[in-house]
N, C-alpha and C. Protein backbone atom coordinates (compact mmCIF):
# COMPACT_ATOMS: atom_id res chain seq x y z
N GLU A 1 108.31 104.70 57.97
CA GLU A 1 109.59 104.05 57.85
C GLU A 1 110.69 104.98 58.33
N HIS A 2 111.73 104.40 58.84
CA HIS A 2 112.82 105.20 59.40
C HIS A 2 113.97 105.39 58.43
N ALA A 3 113.90 104.80 57.26
CA ALA A 3 114.89 104.98 56.20
C ALA A 3 116.32 104.67 56.64
N ILE A 4 116.47 103.67 57.48
CA ILE A 4 117.80 103.21 57.85
C ILE A 4 118.19 102.16 56.82
N SER A 5 119.31 102.37 56.17
CA SER A 5 119.68 101.50 55.07
C SER A 5 121.15 101.14 55.16
N VAL A 6 121.52 100.08 54.48
CA VAL A 6 122.92 99.68 54.36
C VAL A 6 123.12 99.31 52.89
N SER A 7 124.29 99.61 52.37
CA SER A 7 124.58 99.36 50.96
C SER A 7 124.55 97.87 50.64
N ALA A 8 124.48 97.56 49.37
CA ALA A 8 124.52 96.16 48.94
C ALA A 8 125.81 95.49 49.40
N ALA A 9 126.92 96.22 49.32
CA ALA A 9 128.20 95.66 49.78
C ALA A 9 128.19 95.43 51.29
N GLY A 10 127.57 96.35 52.04
CA GLY A 10 127.45 96.20 53.49
C GLY A 10 126.58 95.01 53.87
N ARG A 11 125.50 94.83 53.12
CA ARG A 11 124.61 93.69 53.36
C ARG A 11 125.37 92.38 53.16
N ALA A 12 126.07 92.30 52.03
CA ALA A 12 126.83 91.08 51.72
C ALA A 12 127.90 90.82 52.76
N ALA A 13 128.57 91.88 53.20
CA ALA A 13 129.63 91.72 54.20
C ALA A 13 129.06 91.23 55.53
N LEU A 14 127.92 91.78 55.94
CA LEU A 14 127.30 91.36 57.20
C LEU A 14 126.84 89.91 57.13
N GLU A 15 126.13 89.56 56.06
CA GLU A 15 125.68 88.17 55.89
C GLU A 15 126.86 87.21 55.87
N ASP A 16 127.91 87.57 55.12
CA ASP A 16 129.09 86.71 55.00
C ASP A 16 129.80 86.56 56.34
N PHE A 17 129.91 87.66 57.07
CA PHE A 17 130.57 87.62 58.38
C PHE A 17 129.89 86.62 59.30
N VAL A 18 128.57 86.72 59.42
CA VAL A 18 127.86 85.81 60.32
C VAL A 18 127.89 84.38 59.78
N ALA A 19 127.62 84.21 58.50
CA ALA A 19 127.57 82.88 57.91
C ALA A 19 128.90 82.14 58.02
N ARG A 20 130.00 82.88 58.03
CA ARG A 20 131.33 82.23 58.13
C ARG A 20 131.77 82.02 59.58
N GLY A 21 130.89 82.29 60.55
CA GLY A 21 131.23 82.00 61.94
C GLY A 21 131.21 83.20 62.86
N GLY A 22 130.78 84.35 62.36
CA GLY A 22 130.72 85.54 63.18
C GLY A 22 129.54 85.52 64.14
N ALA A 23 129.54 86.47 65.05
CA ALA A 23 128.49 86.58 66.05
C ALA A 23 127.76 87.91 65.87
N LEU A 24 126.44 87.87 66.00
CA LEU A 24 125.62 89.07 65.87
C LEU A 24 124.66 89.15 67.05
N LEU A 25 124.75 90.25 67.80
CA LEU A 25 123.83 90.52 68.89
C LEU A 25 122.96 91.69 68.47
N GLY A 26 121.69 91.40 68.21
CA GLY A 26 120.74 92.44 67.83
C GLY A 26 119.98 92.90 69.05
N LEU A 27 120.01 94.19 69.31
CA LEU A 27 119.31 94.75 70.46
C LEU A 27 118.09 95.53 70.02
N HIS A 28 117.06 95.47 70.79
CA HIS A 28 115.79 96.18 70.69
C HIS A 28 115.42 96.62 69.27
N THR A 29 115.94 97.73 68.80
CA THR A 29 115.50 98.28 67.51
C THR A 29 116.15 97.61 66.30
N ALA A 30 116.97 96.60 66.51
CA ALA A 30 117.59 95.91 65.37
C ALA A 30 116.53 95.36 64.41
N CYS A 31 115.39 94.96 64.94
CA CYS A 31 114.34 94.39 64.09
C CYS A 31 113.70 95.43 63.18
N ILE A 32 113.87 96.69 63.50
CA ILE A 32 113.23 97.76 62.74
C ILE A 32 114.21 98.41 61.76
N CYS A 33 115.47 97.98 61.80
CA CYS A 33 116.49 98.54 60.91
C CYS A 33 116.38 97.96 59.50
N PHE A 34 116.99 98.65 58.57
CA PHE A 34 117.17 98.16 57.19
C PHE A 34 115.85 97.81 56.52
N ASP A 35 114.92 98.77 56.55
CA ASP A 35 113.58 98.59 55.98
C ASP A 35 113.59 98.05 54.56
N ASP A 36 114.58 98.46 53.79
CA ASP A 36 114.61 98.12 52.36
C ASP A 36 115.39 96.83 52.08
N TRP A 37 115.71 96.08 53.11
CA TRP A 37 116.48 94.84 52.96
C TRP A 37 115.69 93.68 53.54
N PRO A 38 114.86 92.99 52.72
CA PRO A 38 114.09 91.86 53.22
C PRO A 38 114.97 90.75 53.82
N GLY A 39 116.19 90.61 53.34
CA GLY A 39 117.10 89.59 53.84
C GLY A 39 117.57 89.82 55.26
N TRP A 40 117.39 91.04 55.78
CA TRP A 40 117.79 91.31 57.16
C TRP A 40 117.02 90.41 58.12
N GLY A 41 115.75 90.19 57.84
CA GLY A 41 114.96 89.29 58.67
C GLY A 41 115.48 87.86 58.62
N ASP A 42 116.05 87.47 57.49
CA ASP A 42 116.62 86.13 57.38
C ASP A 42 117.83 85.98 58.29
N VAL A 43 118.61 87.03 58.43
CA VAL A 43 119.78 86.99 59.31
C VAL A 43 119.33 87.06 60.77
N LEU A 44 118.51 88.04 61.10
CA LEU A 44 118.10 88.26 62.48
C LEU A 44 117.09 87.22 62.97
N GLY A 45 116.25 86.73 62.07
CA GLY A 45 115.22 85.76 62.42
C GLY A 45 113.82 86.33 62.29
N ALA A 46 113.69 87.62 62.40
CA ALA A 46 112.41 88.31 62.25
C ALA A 46 112.69 89.79 62.02
N ARG A 47 111.70 90.49 61.54
CA ARG A 47 111.86 91.92 61.34
C ARG A 47 110.53 92.63 61.51
N TRP A 48 110.61 93.93 61.71
CA TRP A 48 109.44 94.78 61.83
C TRP A 48 108.74 94.82 60.49
N ARG A 49 107.44 94.69 60.52
CA ARG A 49 106.66 94.80 59.28
C ARG A 49 105.71 95.99 59.44
N TRP A 50 105.99 97.04 58.67
CA TRP A 50 105.18 98.25 58.75
C TRP A 50 103.73 97.92 58.42
N GLY A 51 102.82 98.44 59.22
CA GLY A 51 101.41 98.17 59.04
C GLY A 51 100.93 96.92 59.77
N GLN A 52 101.84 96.14 60.30
CA GLN A 52 101.49 94.91 61.04
C GLN A 52 102.08 94.96 62.46
N SER A 53 103.38 95.21 62.55
CA SER A 53 104.05 95.23 63.85
C SER A 53 103.69 96.51 64.61
N PHE A 54 103.71 96.42 65.93
CA PHE A 54 103.40 97.59 66.75
C PHE A 54 103.93 97.38 68.16
N HIS A 55 103.92 98.46 68.94
CA HIS A 55 104.25 98.35 70.36
C HIS A 55 103.47 99.39 71.15
N PRO A 56 102.91 98.97 72.28
CA PRO A 56 102.30 99.92 73.21
C PRO A 56 103.41 100.70 73.93
N PRO A 57 103.05 101.74 74.66
CA PRO A 57 104.06 102.48 75.45
C PRO A 57 104.74 101.56 76.46
N PRO A 58 105.95 101.91 76.89
CA PRO A 58 106.63 101.10 77.91
C PRO A 58 105.76 100.93 79.15
N GLN A 59 105.82 99.74 79.71
CA GLN A 59 105.10 99.44 80.94
C GLN A 59 105.79 98.27 81.64
N GLN A 60 105.32 97.93 82.81
CA GLN A 60 105.89 96.82 83.56
C GLN A 60 105.53 95.51 82.86
N LEU A 61 106.54 94.74 82.49
CA LEU A 61 106.33 93.46 81.80
C LEU A 61 106.78 92.31 82.69
N ARG A 62 106.05 91.24 82.63
CA ARG A 62 106.48 89.98 83.26
C ARG A 62 107.07 89.15 82.14
N VAL A 63 108.36 88.90 82.20
CA VAL A 63 109.08 88.16 81.16
C VAL A 63 109.21 86.71 81.62
N HIS A 64 108.78 85.82 80.74
CA HIS A 64 108.76 84.38 81.04
C HIS A 64 109.93 83.68 80.34
N VAL A 65 110.63 82.85 81.08
CA VAL A 65 111.71 82.04 80.51
C VAL A 65 111.07 80.84 79.82
N GLU A 66 111.23 80.75 78.52
CA GLU A 66 110.66 79.66 77.72
C GLU A 66 111.56 78.44 77.66
N ASP A 67 112.88 78.65 77.72
CA ASP A 67 113.82 77.54 77.58
C ASP A 67 114.93 77.68 78.63
N ALA A 68 114.63 77.20 79.83
CA ALA A 68 115.58 77.30 80.94
C ALA A 68 116.83 76.46 80.70
N ALA A 69 116.78 75.50 79.77
CA ALA A 69 117.92 74.63 79.51
C ALA A 69 118.96 75.29 78.59
N HIS A 70 118.58 76.34 77.91
CA HIS A 70 119.53 77.00 77.00
C HIS A 70 120.58 77.75 77.84
N PRO A 71 121.85 77.71 77.43
CA PRO A 71 122.91 78.36 78.22
C PRO A 71 122.68 79.86 78.47
N ILE A 72 122.02 80.54 77.56
CA ILE A 72 121.74 81.96 77.77
C ILE A 72 120.83 82.16 78.98
N CYS A 73 119.95 81.20 79.22
CA CYS A 73 118.98 81.31 80.33
C CYS A 73 119.44 80.61 81.60
N ALA A 74 120.67 80.13 81.66
CA ALA A 74 121.16 79.41 82.84
C ALA A 74 121.01 80.26 84.09
N GLY A 75 120.30 79.72 85.07
CA GLY A 75 120.12 80.40 86.34
C GLY A 75 119.11 81.54 86.31
N ILE A 76 118.43 81.72 85.21
CA ILE A 76 117.46 82.81 85.06
C ILE A 76 116.06 82.27 85.32
N THR A 77 115.28 83.04 86.07
CA THR A 77 113.86 82.72 86.28
C THR A 77 113.04 83.90 85.75
N ASP A 78 111.75 83.71 85.66
CA ASP A 78 110.88 84.79 85.20
C ASP A 78 111.20 86.07 85.98
N PHE A 79 111.08 87.21 85.29
CA PHE A 79 111.43 88.48 85.92
C PHE A 79 110.54 89.59 85.40
N GLU A 80 110.60 90.73 86.08
CA GLU A 80 109.83 91.90 85.66
C GLU A 80 110.79 93.01 85.26
N VAL A 81 110.37 93.76 84.24
CA VAL A 81 111.16 94.87 83.75
C VAL A 81 110.21 95.88 83.12
N GLU A 82 110.53 97.16 83.25
CA GLU A 82 109.74 98.17 82.56
C GLU A 82 110.34 98.34 81.17
N ASP A 83 109.51 98.10 80.16
CA ASP A 83 110.01 98.13 78.79
C ASP A 83 108.83 98.22 77.84
N GLU A 84 109.11 98.43 76.57
CA GLU A 84 108.04 98.31 75.58
C GLU A 84 108.12 96.92 74.97
N MET A 85 107.02 96.50 74.41
CA MET A 85 106.92 95.14 73.92
C MET A 85 106.47 95.14 72.46
N PHE A 86 107.36 94.65 71.60
CA PHE A 86 107.02 94.55 70.18
C PHE A 86 106.04 93.42 69.96
N HIS A 87 105.07 93.65 69.08
CA HIS A 87 104.07 92.65 68.73
C HIS A 87 104.11 92.40 67.23
N ASP A 88 103.82 91.15 66.87
CA ASP A 88 103.61 90.76 65.48
C ASP A 88 104.77 91.09 64.55
N LEU A 89 105.99 90.78 65.01
CA LEU A 89 107.12 90.87 64.09
C LEU A 89 106.93 89.82 63.01
N GLU A 90 107.51 90.05 61.87
CA GLU A 90 107.43 89.10 60.77
C GLU A 90 108.60 88.12 60.89
N ALA A 91 108.30 86.92 61.38
CA ALA A 91 109.34 85.89 61.50
C ALA A 91 109.67 85.36 60.11
N THR A 92 110.94 85.32 59.79
CA THR A 92 111.36 84.82 58.49
C THR A 92 111.93 83.42 58.57
N THR A 93 111.95 82.88 59.76
CA THR A 93 112.41 81.52 59.99
C THR A 93 111.69 81.02 61.24
N ALA A 94 111.74 79.75 61.47
CA ALA A 94 111.14 79.21 62.70
C ALA A 94 111.95 79.73 63.89
N LEU A 95 111.28 80.40 64.79
CA LEU A 95 111.96 80.95 65.96
C LEU A 95 111.75 80.05 67.16
N HIS A 96 112.77 79.93 67.96
CA HIS A 96 112.70 79.21 69.22
C HIS A 96 112.92 80.24 70.32
N PRO A 97 111.84 80.86 70.82
CA PRO A 97 112.00 81.90 71.83
C PRO A 97 112.61 81.36 73.12
N LEU A 98 113.57 82.10 73.65
CA LEU A 98 114.11 81.79 74.96
C LEU A 98 113.35 82.54 76.04
N LEU A 99 112.83 83.72 75.68
CA LEU A 99 112.00 84.53 76.57
C LEU A 99 110.76 84.96 75.82
N SER A 100 109.67 85.14 76.55
CA SER A 100 108.46 85.70 75.96
C SER A 100 107.77 86.58 77.00
N ALA A 101 106.82 87.35 76.52
CA ALA A 101 106.01 88.18 77.41
C ALA A 101 104.66 88.37 76.74
N ARG A 102 103.68 88.74 77.53
CA ARG A 102 102.36 89.04 76.99
C ARG A 102 101.81 90.25 77.75
N MET A 103 101.06 91.05 77.03
CA MET A 103 100.49 92.25 77.64
C MET A 103 99.35 91.89 78.58
N THR A 104 98.47 91.00 78.12
CA THR A 104 97.34 90.54 78.93
C THR A 104 97.15 89.05 78.67
N ALA A 105 96.39 88.41 79.52
CA ALA A 105 96.19 86.97 79.41
C ALA A 105 95.50 86.56 78.11
N ASP A 106 94.75 87.47 77.51
CA ASP A 106 94.02 87.12 76.28
C ASP A 106 94.80 87.43 75.00
N VAL A 107 96.04 87.88 75.13
CA VAL A 107 96.88 88.19 73.97
C VAL A 107 97.99 87.14 73.90
N ALA A 108 98.28 86.69 72.70
CA ALA A 108 99.33 85.68 72.52
C ALA A 108 100.68 86.19 73.02
N PRO A 109 101.48 85.31 73.64
CA PRO A 109 102.81 85.73 74.06
C PRO A 109 103.65 86.09 72.85
N GLN A 110 104.53 87.06 73.04
CA GLN A 110 105.42 87.51 71.98
C GLN A 110 106.85 87.11 72.33
N PRO A 111 107.64 86.66 71.36
CA PRO A 111 109.03 86.32 71.65
C PRO A 111 109.81 87.58 72.01
N MET A 112 110.56 87.52 73.08
CA MET A 112 111.33 88.67 73.54
C MET A 112 112.84 88.47 73.35
N LEU A 113 113.28 87.23 73.26
CA LEU A 113 114.70 86.94 73.02
C LEU A 113 114.78 85.57 72.37
N TRP A 114 115.60 85.49 71.32
CA TRP A 114 115.85 84.19 70.71
C TRP A 114 117.31 84.11 70.32
N ALA A 115 117.77 82.88 70.14
CA ALA A 115 119.13 82.60 69.73
C ALA A 115 119.06 81.57 68.61
N ARG A 116 119.93 81.73 67.63
CA ARG A 116 119.91 80.80 66.49
C ARG A 116 121.26 80.76 65.82
N GLU A 117 121.45 79.70 65.07
CA GLU A 117 122.65 79.62 64.25
C GLU A 117 122.30 80.09 62.84
N TYR A 118 123.24 80.76 62.21
CA TYR A 118 123.07 81.25 60.85
C TYR A 118 124.34 80.86 60.12
N GLY A 119 124.24 79.86 59.27
CA GLY A 119 125.46 79.31 58.67
C GLY A 119 126.33 78.76 59.78
N ALA A 120 127.60 79.16 59.80
CA ALA A 120 128.51 78.74 60.86
C ALA A 120 128.53 79.71 62.03
N GLY A 121 127.72 80.77 61.95
CA GLY A 121 127.70 81.79 62.99
C GLY A 121 126.49 81.70 63.89
N ARG A 122 126.43 82.63 64.81
CA ARG A 122 125.34 82.67 65.78
C ARG A 122 124.73 84.07 65.85
N VAL A 123 123.43 84.07 66.12
CA VAL A 123 122.66 85.31 66.23
C VAL A 123 121.81 85.26 67.48
N VAL A 124 121.78 86.36 68.22
CA VAL A 124 120.86 86.54 69.33
C VAL A 124 120.14 87.85 69.10
N TYR A 125 118.83 87.83 69.27
CA TYR A 125 118.04 89.07 69.22
C TYR A 125 117.32 89.24 70.54
N ASP A 126 117.46 90.43 71.13
CA ASP A 126 116.83 90.79 72.39
C ASP A 126 115.90 91.97 72.13
N ALA A 127 114.59 91.73 72.18
CA ALA A 127 113.61 92.78 71.93
C ALA A 127 113.48 93.76 73.09
N LEU A 128 114.00 93.41 74.25
CA LEU A 128 113.98 94.32 75.39
C LEU A 128 115.04 95.40 75.19
N GLY A 129 115.01 96.41 76.02
CA GLY A 129 116.08 97.41 76.00
C GLY A 129 115.68 98.77 75.49
N HIS A 130 114.42 99.14 75.61
CA HIS A 130 113.97 100.44 75.14
C HIS A 130 114.61 101.58 75.94
N THR A 131 114.87 101.35 77.21
CA THR A 131 115.44 102.39 78.06
C THR A 131 116.67 101.88 78.80
N ALA A 132 117.44 102.82 79.31
CA ALA A 132 118.62 102.45 80.09
C ALA A 132 118.22 101.63 81.31
N SER A 133 117.07 101.94 81.92
CA SER A 133 116.65 101.20 83.11
C SER A 133 116.41 99.72 82.78
N SER A 134 115.93 99.43 81.58
CA SER A 134 115.75 98.03 81.18
C SER A 134 117.11 97.34 81.07
N LEU A 135 118.07 98.02 80.48
CA LEU A 135 119.40 97.42 80.32
C LEU A 135 120.14 97.30 81.65
N GLN A 136 119.75 98.10 82.62
CA GLN A 136 120.38 98.06 83.94
C GLN A 136 119.68 97.09 84.89
N GLN A 137 118.51 96.60 84.50
CA GLN A 137 117.80 95.65 85.35
C GLN A 137 118.71 94.42 85.51
N PRO A 138 118.99 93.96 86.74
CA PRO A 138 119.99 92.92 86.95
C PRO A 138 119.80 91.64 86.14
N THR A 139 118.58 91.13 86.04
CA THR A 139 118.36 89.89 85.29
C THR A 139 118.58 90.14 83.80
N HIS A 140 118.10 91.25 83.29
CA HIS A 140 118.30 91.57 81.88
C HIS A 140 119.79 91.73 81.57
N ARG A 141 120.50 92.40 82.46
CA ARG A 141 121.95 92.58 82.27
C ARG A 141 122.65 91.21 82.26
N ARG A 142 122.25 90.32 83.16
CA ARG A 142 122.86 88.99 83.20
C ARG A 142 122.56 88.21 81.91
N LEU A 143 121.32 88.31 81.41
CA LEU A 143 120.98 87.66 80.14
C LEU A 143 121.86 88.14 79.00
N LEU A 144 122.11 89.44 78.94
CA LEU A 144 122.96 89.98 77.89
C LEU A 144 124.40 89.47 78.01
N GLN A 145 124.89 89.37 79.23
CA GLN A 145 126.23 88.82 79.45
C GLN A 145 126.30 87.36 78.98
N GLN A 146 125.29 86.58 79.35
CA GLN A 146 125.26 85.17 78.96
C GLN A 146 125.05 85.03 77.46
N ALA A 147 124.30 85.93 76.86
CA ALA A 147 124.12 85.90 75.40
C ALA A 147 125.45 86.16 74.71
N ALA A 148 126.22 87.12 75.20
CA ALA A 148 127.52 87.42 74.59
C ALA A 148 128.45 86.21 74.70
N LEU A 149 128.45 85.55 75.84
CA LEU A 149 129.29 84.36 76.01
C LEU A 149 128.87 83.24 75.05
N TRP A 150 127.55 83.04 74.89
CA TRP A 150 127.07 82.01 73.97
C TRP A 150 127.44 82.35 72.54
N LEU A 151 127.30 83.63 72.18
CA LEU A 151 127.63 84.04 70.82
C LEU A 151 129.10 83.77 70.49
N LEU A 152 129.95 83.95 71.46
CA LEU A 152 131.38 83.81 71.22
C LEU A 152 131.90 82.39 71.38
N ALA A 153 131.07 81.50 71.90
CA ALA A 153 131.48 80.09 72.03
C ALA A 153 131.50 79.46 70.64
N PRO A 154 132.36 78.50 70.42
CA PRO A 154 132.37 77.82 69.11
C PRO A 154 131.00 77.20 68.81
N THR A 155 130.56 77.29 67.56
CA THR A 155 129.28 76.67 67.21
C THR A 155 129.39 75.17 67.43
N GLY A 156 128.25 74.59 67.74
CA GLY A 156 128.22 73.16 68.05
C GLY A 156 128.43 72.91 69.54
N THR A 157 128.72 73.97 70.31
CA THR A 157 128.86 73.82 71.75
C THR A 157 127.72 74.58 72.40
N THR A 158 127.45 74.24 73.65
CA THR A 158 126.37 74.92 74.36
C THR A 158 126.85 76.01 75.27
N SER A 159 128.14 76.04 75.57
CA SER A 159 128.66 77.07 76.46
C SER A 159 130.08 77.41 76.04
N PRO A 160 130.57 78.56 76.52
CA PRO A 160 131.93 78.99 76.15
C PRO A 160 132.99 78.08 76.73
């Protein structure tokens, strides 16, 4: 465990912020934060589960667009990026992956990016981004820009 923690007051403030209409963009290691707060997975949508979740070393991944109709994926097609890939996160809610990847054909695809509403707010989690080169990859960079725009759009709308 990495012993990253947030106080009870901080937890309440974060949950309240998002639930009242705030936006939360979780990047790569967000799923592994706040080990001692089971509710973090409820906000983010999933979390790292010690003894279950894992990742192989970074390698070339083929990322598949699962929902091309979602505004975050507008104009995005499958792409390749060098990154690490988290496996077997503990989903705390039904996830609708916008992107997925798989290490080999015989392994189940893993969600790499999802977007969801939490109360009156919005949450996006992007499992990519282990290295600067991943964040600089043009398609990944565009996805992050579109995710930020979706997060800031009023809830109930599909685009800013």
